[in-house]
N, C-alpha and C. Protein backbone atom coordinates (compact mmCIF):
# COMPACT_ATOMS: atom_id res chain seq x y z
N UNK A 1 15.91 39.83 -7.20
CA UNK A 1 14.15 39.52 -6.90
C UNK A 1 12.97 39.52 -5.65
N UNK A 2 12.28 39.61 -5.86
CA UNK A 2 11.64 39.97 -4.25
C UNK A 2 10.68 38.54 -4.63
N UNK A 3 10.45 37.91 -3.31
CA UNK A 3 9.40 37.24 -3.14
C UNK A 3 7.90 37.31 -2.83
N UNK A 4 7.16 36.96 -3.34
CA UNK A 4 6.22 37.97 -3.19
C UNK A 4 5.36 37.15 -1.52
N UNK A 5 4.65 37.10 -0.76
CA UNK A 5 3.27 37.38 0.37
C UNK A 5 3.70 35.56 0.42
N UNK A 6 2.77 36.01 -1.10
CA UNK A 6 2.27 33.89 -0.63
C UNK A 6 3.27 33.38 -0.78
N UNK A 7 4.51 33.82 -1.45
CA UNK A 7 6.19 32.16 -0.99
C UNK A 7 6.15 32.17 0.11
N UNK A 8 6.29 33.11 0.66
CA UNK A 8 6.49 33.30 2.59
C UNK A 8 5.66 32.27 2.85
N UNK A 9 4.10 31.90 2.45
CA UNK A 9 3.13 31.18 3.53
C UNK A 9 4.29 29.66 3.90
N UNK A 10 4.43 29.12 2.73
CA UNK A 10 5.25 27.65 3.01
C UNK A 10 6.62 27.86 3.35
N UNK A 11 6.90 27.09 5.02
CA UNK A 11 8.33 26.81 5.32
C UNK A 11 7.68 25.53 5.13
N UNK A 12 9.13 25.09 4.58
CA UNK A 12 10.21 23.69 4.41
C UNK A 12 10.20 23.38 5.83
N UNK A 13 10.59 22.18 5.87
CA UNK A 13 10.51 21.53 7.33
C UNK A 13 11.86 20.72 7.02
N UNK A 14 12.74 21.85 8.01
CA UNK A 14 14.25 21.30 8.10
C UNK A 14 15.05 19.64 7.66
N UNK A 15 15.00 19.57 7.37
CA UNK A 15 15.46 17.92 7.69
C UNK A 15 14.64 16.94 7.10
N UNK A 16 12.85 17.32 6.21
CA UNK A 16 11.50 16.73 6.02
C UNK A 16 12.18 15.47 5.47
N UNK A 17 13.40 15.05 3.84
CA UNK A 17 14.02 14.51 2.74
C UNK A 17 14.36 13.37 4.39
N UNK A 18 15.24 13.86 4.72
CA UNK A 18 16.12 13.22 5.65
C UNK A 18 14.84 12.11 6.93
N UNK A 19 14.42 13.23 7.58
CA UNK A 19 13.44 12.74 8.32
C UNK A 19 12.44 11.53 7.96
N UNK A 20 12.04 11.51 6.60
CA UNK A 20 10.94 10.25 6.37
C UNK A 20 12.31 9.92 5.99
N UNK A 21 12.81 9.51 5.13
CA UNK A 21 13.95 8.21 4.91
C UNK A 21 13.60 7.69 5.93
N UNK A 22 14.67 7.58 7.67
CA UNK A 22 14.79 7.00 8.57
C UNK A 22 13.61 5.91 8.59
N UNK A 23 12.44 7.19 9.06
CA UNK A 23 11.49 6.48 9.37
C UNK A 23 11.22 5.27 8.69
N UNK A 24 11.14 5.50 6.95
CA UNK A 24 11.14 4.49 6.22
C UNK A 24 11.44 3.31 6.43
N UNK A 25 13.36 3.67 6.64
CA UNK A 25 14.06 3.18 7.19
C UNK A 25 14.03 1.58 8.32
N UNK A 26 13.45 1.80 9.54
CA UNK A 26 12.93 1.60 10.09
C UNK A 26 12.25 0.93 10.53
N UNK A 27 10.85 1.54 9.93
CA UNK A 27 10.03 1.14 8.89
C UNK A 27 9.63 -0.85 8.60
N UNK A 28 10.34 -0.19 6.91
CA UNK A 28 10.81 -1.54 6.41
C UNK A 28 12.22 -3.03 7.16
N UNK A 29 12.87 -1.98 7.82
CA UNK A 29 13.83 -2.92 8.65
C UNK A 29 12.99 -4.76 9.29
N UNK A 30 12.34 -4.12 9.22
CA UNK A 30 11.21 -5.17 10.32
C UNK A 30 9.82 -5.06 8.57
N UNK A 31 9.30 -4.58 8.23
CA UNK A 31 8.82 -5.16 7.82
C UNK A 31 8.29 -5.60 6.67
N UNK A 32 9.84 -5.53 5.99
CA UNK A 32 10.34 -6.72 4.44
C UNK A 32 10.26 -7.99 5.45
N UNK A 33 11.09 -7.94 6.71
CA UNK A 33 10.62 -10.02 6.94
C UNK A 33 9.23 -10.68 7.36
N UNK A 34 7.72 -9.70 7.88
CA UNK A 34 6.91 -9.81 7.57
C UNK A 34 6.35 -10.13 5.58
N UNK A 35 6.82 -9.52 5.04
CA UNK A 35 6.10 -9.61 3.69
C UNK A 35 6.74 -10.84 2.30
N UNK A 36 7.63 -11.50 3.32
CA UNK A 36 8.79 -12.12 2.54
C UNK A 36 7.84 -13.17 2.27
N UNK A 37 7.32 -13.69 2.44
CA UNK A 37 5.86 -14.43 2.66
C UNK A 37 5.84 -14.56 0.57
N UNK A 38 5.20 -13.20 0.17
CA UNK A 38 3.96 -12.71 0.05
C UNK A 38 5.25 -12.56 -1.32
N UNK A 39 4.66 -13.51 -2.42
CA UNK A 39 5.66 -12.85 -4.63
C UNK A 39 5.20 -12.04 -4.23
N UNK A 40 6.40 -10.70 -4.93
CA UNK A 40 6.30 -9.35 -4.90
C UNK A 40 6.12 -8.25 -3.64
N UNK A 41 6.40 -8.85 -2.64
CA UNK A 41 6.94 -8.21 -1.19
C UNK A 41 6.09 -7.46 -0.80
N UNK A 42 6.26 -5.92 -0.40
CA UNK A 42 4.84 -5.17 -0.46
C UNK A 42 4.65 -4.66 -1.39
N UNK A 43 4.56 -4.91 -2.71
CA UNK A 43 3.84 -4.61 -3.71
C UNK A 43 2.38 -5.64 -4.19
N UNK A 44 3.13 -7.33 -3.79
CA UNK A 44 2.08 -8.45 -4.12
C UNK A 44 1.14 -7.99 -1.96
N UNK A 45 2.02 -7.74 -1.24
CA UNK A 45 0.73 -7.39 -0.57
C UNK A 45 -0.51 -5.85 -0.81
N UNK A 46 0.27 -5.48 -1.00
CA UNK A 46 -0.95 -4.36 -1.33
C UNK A 46 -1.43 -5.21 -2.42
N UNK A 47 -1.75 -5.52 -3.43
CA UNK A 47 -2.53 -6.18 -4.58
C UNK A 47 -3.57 -7.11 -3.42
N UNK A 48 -3.25 -7.93 -2.41
CA UNK A 48 -3.63 -9.24 -2.13
C UNK A 48 -4.91 -7.76 -0.96
N UNK A 49 -4.25 -6.97 0.15
CA UNK A 49 -5.26 -6.05 1.08
C UNK A 49 -6.01 -5.92 0.53
N UNK A 50 -5.74 -4.99 -1.61
CA UNK A 50 -6.99 -4.50 -1.78
C UNK A 50 -7.95 -5.23 -2.06
N UNK A 51 -7.68 -6.56 -2.63
CA UNK A 51 -8.11 -7.27 -3.41
C UNK A 51 -9.57 -7.35 -1.96
N UNK A 52 -8.58 -7.50 -1.09
CA UNK A 52 -9.65 -8.50 0.78
C UNK A 52 -10.42 -7.04 0.80
N UNK A 53 -10.29 -6.15 0.30
CA UNK A 53 -11.32 -4.65 1.00
C UNK A 53 -12.00 -4.80 -0.32
N UNK A 54 -11.90 -5.35 -1.31
CA UNK A 54 -12.53 -4.87 -2.48
C UNK A 54 -12.58 -6.80 -4.15
N UNK A 55 -13.01 -7.05 -3.40
CA UNK A 55 -12.61 -8.19 -4.06
C UNK A 55 -13.97 -8.22 -5.84
N UNK A 56 -14.60 -7.28 -6.11
CA UNK A 56 -15.07 -6.66 -6.91
C UNK A 56 -14.52 -6.03 -8.43
N UNK A 57 -12.85 -5.56 -7.57
CA UNK A 57 -12.92 -4.74 -9.14
C UNK A 57 -12.07 -5.77 -10.25
N UNK A 58 -12.11 -4.40 -11.51
CA UNK A 58 -11.01 -5.12 -11.98
C UNK A 58 -9.70 -4.42 -12.22
N UNK A 59 -8.88 -4.99 -13.40
CA UNK A 59 -7.75 -5.06 -12.86
C UNK A 59 -7.02 -3.23 -13.39
N UNK A 60 -7.55 -2.97 -14.03
CA UNK A 60 -7.60 -1.35 -14.56
C UNK A 60 -7.93 -0.07 -12.78
N UNK A 61 -9.22 -0.84 -12.14
CA UNK A 61 -9.79 -0.20 -11.22
C UNK A 61 -8.52 -0.37 -10.27
N UNK A 62 -7.92 -1.67 -9.65
CA UNK A 62 -6.57 -2.13 -8.85
C UNK A 62 -5.49 -1.74 -9.45
N UNK A 63 -5.92 -0.91 -10.04
CA UNK A 63 -3.84 -0.50 -10.53
C UNK A 63 -4.00 0.87 -10.70
N UNK A 64 -5.45 1.34 -10.30
CA UNK A 64 -5.62 2.75 -10.20
C UNK A 64 -5.36 2.98 -9.25
N UNK A 65 -6.14 1.94 -7.89
CA UNK A 65 -5.88 2.10 -6.21
C UNK A 65 -4.77 2.20 -5.82
N UNK A 66 -3.28 1.45 -6.61
CA UNK A 66 -3.12 1.13 -6.03
C UNK A 66 -2.05 1.67 -6.80
N UNK A 67 -1.90 2.93 -8.31
CA UNK A 67 -1.13 3.04 -8.11
C UNK A 67 -0.28 2.69 -9.32
N UNK A 68 -0.59 1.69 -9.40
CA UNK A 68 0.91 1.39 -10.87
C UNK A 68 -0.19 1.08 -12.06
N UNK A 69 1.40 1.29 -13.00
CA UNK A 69 1.14 0.96 -13.99
C UNK A 69 0.22 -0.74 -14.14
N UNK A 70 -0.72 -1.02 -15.39
CA UNK A 70 -1.57 -1.57 -15.31
C UNK A 70 -0.26 -3.14 -15.78
N UNK A 71 0.23 -2.89 -16.65
CA UNK A 71 0.70 -3.78 -16.86
C UNK A 71 2.53 -5.02 -15.79
N UNK A 72 2.00 -3.89 -15.22
CA UNK A 72 3.16 -4.00 -14.11
C UNK A 72 2.01 -4.69 -13.17
N UNK A 73 1.59 -3.99 -12.92
CA UNK A 73 0.24 -5.70 -11.81
C UNK A 73 0.19 -6.44 -13.06
N UNK A 74 -0.17 -6.86 -14.02
CA UNK A 74 -1.06 -8.27 -15.05
C UNK A 74 0.88 -8.94 -14.41
N UNK A 75 1.15 -8.86 -14.35
CA UNK A 75 2.72 -9.31 -14.29
C UNK A 75 2.37 -9.62 -12.47
N UNK A 76 2.03 -9.07 -11.68
CA UNK A 76 2.29 -9.10 -10.01
C UNK A 76 0.97 -10.21 -9.52
N UNK A 77 0.20 -10.06 -10.67
CA UNK A 77 -0.88 -11.10 -9.97
C UNK A 77 -0.59 -12.52 -10.81
N UNK A 78 0.36 -12.25 -12.11
CA UNK A 78 0.60 -14.14 -12.45
C UNK A 78 1.66 -14.71 -11.33
N UNK A 79 1.99 -13.10 -10.46
CA UNK A 79 2.75 -14.38 -10.07
C UNK A 79 1.90 -15.12 -8.72
N UNK A 80 1.36 -13.99 -7.47
CA UNK A 80 0.38 -14.23 -6.90
C UNK A 80 -0.67 -15.70 -7.21
N UNK A 81 -0.85 -15.43 -8.57
CA UNK A 81 -1.51 -16.65 -9.26
C UNK A 81 -1.12 -17.48 -9.26
N UNK A 82 0.27 -17.93 -10.05
CA UNK A 82 1.69 -19.19 -9.30
C UNK A 82 1.70 -19.12 -8.07
N UNK A 83 1.16 -18.41 -7.52
CA UNK A 83 1.52 -18.98 -5.55
C UNK A 83 0.77 -19.16 -5.15
N UNK A 84 -0.75 -19.12 -5.97
CA UNK A 84 -2.11 -19.82 -4.96
C UNK A 84 -2.87 -19.21 -4.38
N UNK A 85 -2.49 -17.52 -4.35
CA UNK A 85 -3.61 -16.60 -3.70
C UNK A 85 -4.43 -15.32 -4.20
N UNK A 86 -4.59 -15.33 -5.35
CA UNK A 86 -4.82 -14.99 -6.83
C UNK A 86 -5.81 -16.41 -7.47
N UNK A 87 -6.76 -16.08 -7.40
CA UNK A 87 -7.18 -16.53 -9.21
C UNK A 87 -8.06 -15.83 -10.31
N UNK A 88 -8.31 -15.67 -10.87
CA UNK A 88 -8.28 -14.43 -12.19
C UNK A 88 -10.09 -15.18 -12.41
N UNK A 89 -11.00 -14.83 -12.07
CA UNK A 89 -12.34 -15.22 -12.49
C UNK A 89 -12.86 -14.35 -14.02
N UNK A 90 -13.58 -14.96 -14.59
CA UNK A 90 -15.11 -14.11 -15.39
C UNK A 90 -15.61 -13.20 -14.49
N UNK A 91 -16.20 -11.48 -15.32
CA UNK A 91 -16.94 -10.72 -14.76
C UNK A 91 -18.45 -11.14 -15.45
N UNK A 92 -18.83 -11.22 -14.24
CA UNK A 92 -20.52 -11.61 -14.93
C UNK A 92 -20.73 -10.23 -15.48
N UNK A 93 -21.64 -10.95 -16.92
CA UNK A 93 -22.14 -10.14 -17.52
C UNK A 93 -20.94 -9.30 -18.54
N UNK A 94 -19.58 -9.97 -18.44
CA UNK A 94 -18.76 -9.94 -19.90
C UNK A 94 -17.75 -10.47 -19.23
N UNK A 95 -17.88 -12.32 -19.92
CA UNK A 95 -16.45 -13.37 -19.51
C UNK A 95 -16.15 -13.07 -20.16
N UNK A 96 -15.53 -11.75 -21.24
CA UNK A 96 -14.04 -12.42 -22.23
C UNK A 96 -13.12 -11.22 -20.52
N UNK A 97 -13.88 -10.64 -19.86
CA UNK A 97 -13.07 -9.97 -19.37
C UNK A 97 -12.16 -10.29 -17.84
N UNK A 98 -11.70 -10.53 -17.03
CA UNK A 98 -11.22 -11.39 -16.58
C UNK A 98 -10.93 -10.12 -15.15
N UNK A 99 -11.48 -10.37 -14.05
CA UNK A 99 -10.98 -10.04 -12.84
C UNK A 99 -10.37 -10.70 -11.73
N UNK A 100 -9.53 -9.75 -11.46
CA UNK A 100 -8.65 -10.86 -9.92
C UNK A 100 -9.26 -11.19 -8.61
N UNK A 101 -8.64 -11.75 -7.45
CA UNK A 101 -9.81 -12.12 -6.76
C UNK A 101 -8.61 -13.40 -5.80
N UNK A 102 -9.16 -13.21 -4.93
CA UNK A 102 -7.91 -13.76 -3.92
C UNK A 102 -8.67 -15.11 -3.20
N UNK A 103 -7.75 -16.20 -3.28
CA UNK A 103 -7.98 -17.74 -2.66
C UNK A 103 -8.22 -17.32 -1.31
N UNK A 104 -9.01 -18.46 -1.09
CA UNK A 104 -9.09 -18.13 0.46
C UNK A 104 -7.38 -18.78 1.33
N UNK A 105 -6.06 -19.23 1.02
CA UNK A 105 -4.73 -19.30 0.72
C UNK A 105 -4.62 -17.25 1.13
N UNK A 106 -5.12 -16.87 -0.33
CA UNK A 106 -4.94 -15.54 -0.51
C UNK A 106 -5.34 -14.72 0.34
N UNK A 107 -6.44 -14.76 1.26
CA UNK A 107 -7.26 -13.82 2.05
C UNK A 107 -6.65 -14.44 3.46
N UNK A 108 -5.95 -15.47 3.81
CA UNK A 108 -5.39 -15.91 4.81
C UNK A 108 -4.40 -15.17 5.23
N UNK A 109 -3.43 -15.63 4.19
CA UNK A 109 -2.02 -14.49 3.78
C UNK A 109 -2.07 -13.33 4.00
N UNK A 110 -3.19 -12.35 3.95
CA UNK A 110 -3.09 -11.08 3.35
C UNK A 110 -3.36 -10.14 4.69
N UNK A 111 -5.15 -11.28 5.57
CA UNK A 111 -4.78 -11.22 7.32
C UNK A 111 -3.62 -10.98 7.85
N UNK A 112 -3.34 -12.35 8.37
CA UNK A 112 -1.74 -12.88 9.11
C UNK A 112 -0.54 -11.93 8.97
N UNK A 113 -0.59 -11.06 7.50
CA UNK A 113 0.14 -9.65 7.30
C UNK A 113 0.04 -8.81 7.75
N UNK A 114 -1.45 -8.72 7.72
CA UNK A 114 -1.67 -7.34 7.57
C UNK A 114 -1.24 -7.26 9.60
N UNK A 115 -1.80 -7.65 10.37
CA UNK A 115 -1.90 -8.29 11.70
C UNK A 115 0.02 -7.90 11.80
N UNK A 116 0.38 -8.58 11.29
CA UNK A 116 1.97 -8.24 11.33
C UNK A 116 2.66 -7.63 11.51
N UNK A 117 2.37 -6.56 10.20
CA UNK A 117 2.89 -4.86 9.90
C UNK A 117 2.03 -4.56 10.90
N UNK A 118 0.75 -4.55 12.02
CA UNK A 118 -0.13 -3.22 12.29
C UNK A 118 1.58 -3.36 13.46
N UNK A 119 2.38 -4.58 14.18
CA UNK A 119 2.44 -4.65 15.33
C UNK A 119 4.25 -3.77 14.88
N UNK A 120 4.84 -3.67 13.68
CA UNK A 120 6.14 -3.15 12.56
C UNK A 120 4.86 -1.04 12.78
N UNK A 121 4.41 -1.37 12.70
CA UNK A 121 3.57 0.21 13.07
C UNK A 121 3.36 0.56 14.12
N UNK A 122 3.14 -0.18 15.13
CA UNK A 122 3.04 0.25 16.71
C UNK A 122 4.83 0.20 17.52
N UNK A 123 5.70 -0.54 16.48
CA UNK A 123 6.75 -0.25 17.20
C UNK A 123 7.63 1.29 16.19
N UNK A 124 7.42 1.36 14.90
CA UNK A 124 7.96 3.08 14.73
C UNK A 124 7.66 3.41 15.08
N UNK A 125 5.67 3.40 15.50
CA UNK A 125 5.53 4.81 16.32
C UNK A 125 5.47 5.24 17.64
N UNK A 126 6.10 3.95 18.61
CA UNK A 126 6.00 4.37 20.06
C UNK A 126 6.56 5.29 20.21
N UNK A 127 7.40 6.32 20.07
CA UNK A 127 7.73 7.50 20.80
C UNK A 127 6.92 8.40 20.62
N UNK A 128 5.49 8.56 19.29
CA UNK A 128 4.33 9.13 19.83
C UNK A 128 4.05 9.18 20.69
N UNK A 129 2.85 9.87 21.14
CA UNK A 129 1.33 9.62 22.14
C UNK A 129 0.55 8.93 21.11
N UNK A 130 -0.66 9.15 21.50
CA UNK A 130 -1.61 8.68 20.96
C UNK A 130 -2.18 9.42 20.19
N UNK A 131 -2.70 10.52 20.65
CA UNK A 131 -2.81 11.57 19.66
C UNK A 131 -2.22 11.92 18.42
N UNK A 132 -0.63 11.91 18.90
CA UNK A 132 0.14 12.17 17.50
C UNK A 132 -0.24 10.95 16.96
N UNK A 133 0.42 9.74 17.33
CA UNK A 133 0.27 8.86 15.85
C UNK A 133 -1.19 8.69 15.42
N UNK A 134 -2.27 9.27 15.67
CA UNK A 134 -3.24 9.33 14.23
C UNK A 134 -3.39 11.04 13.81
N UNK A 135 -2.59 10.99 14.45
CA UNK A 135 -2.42 12.81 13.82
C UNK A 135 -1.37 12.71 12.89
N UNK A 136 -0.80 12.12 13.09
CA UNK A 136 0.94 11.61 12.00
C UNK A 136 0.54 10.98 10.58
N UNK A 137 -0.55 9.94 10.96
CA UNK A 137 -0.56 8.65 10.33
C UNK A 137 -1.70 9.53 9.53
N UNK A 138 -2.90 10.07 10.34
CA UNK A 138 -4.05 10.79 8.80
C UNK A 138 -2.95 12.80 8.79
N UNK A 139 -1.60 12.94 8.65
CA UNK A 139 -0.98 13.68 7.84
C UNK A 139 -0.53 13.01 6.60
N UNK A 140 -0.09 12.07 6.85
CA UNK A 140 0.59 10.96 5.69
C UNK A 140 -0.93 10.38 4.62
N UNK A 141 -2.33 10.34 5.61
CA UNK A 141 -2.92 9.48 3.92
C UNK A 141 -2.84 11.03 3.24
N UNK A 142 -3.21 12.50 4.38
CA UNK A 142 -3.56 12.99 3.18
C UNK A 142 -2.31 13.26 2.79
N UNK A 143 -0.74 13.29 2.66
CA UNK A 143 -0.32 13.75 1.36
C UNK A 143 0.02 12.80 0.84
N UNK A 144 -0.52 10.76 0.90
CA UNK A 144 -0.76 10.01 -0.35
C UNK A 144 -1.96 10.34 -0.93
N UNK A 145 -2.68 11.07 -0.40
CA UNK A 145 -3.83 11.01 -1.67
C UNK A 145 -3.19 12.17 -3.22
N UNK A 146 -3.75 11.33 -3.84
CA UNK A 146 -3.10 12.23 -4.86
C UNK A 146 -4.29 13.69 -5.04
N UNK A 147 -3.38 14.46 -6.42
CA UNK A 147 -3.68 16.48 -5.38
C UNK A 147 -5.09 16.25 -6.62
N UNK A 148 -5.97 16.58 -6.51
CA UNK A 148 -7.33 17.53 -6.96
C UNK A 148 -6.97 18.31 -7.88
């Protein structure tokens, strides 16, 4: 079977999967401790962070933003609400619809955990030059964006 010239334009990086796994394990080894206080761990933190960035989104908007099924998100919001980090508010113009919003405590936790995670990121990325860190993070963002 002949390969077309276009299929040769993509050359896989040897060990990409294992390299990603190792970097992720290094990150999670420290990051898990930082999100321990947040119900639902990393997912709970992602919700808090997203709400800190946009406190006026609907549950379905938030689910799309963090790429989680709305039913799963609703359960996680319940846990964050029970912990006093999130509250459900009526939406202006549609009192039947409820939207999640951060409490003061939720905002404080999100800010504290974000600072802690920035320190973890700095430690994990320390072997790279400043330009290498910028390039690596930009590439990761490109890879994590949904396909168009």
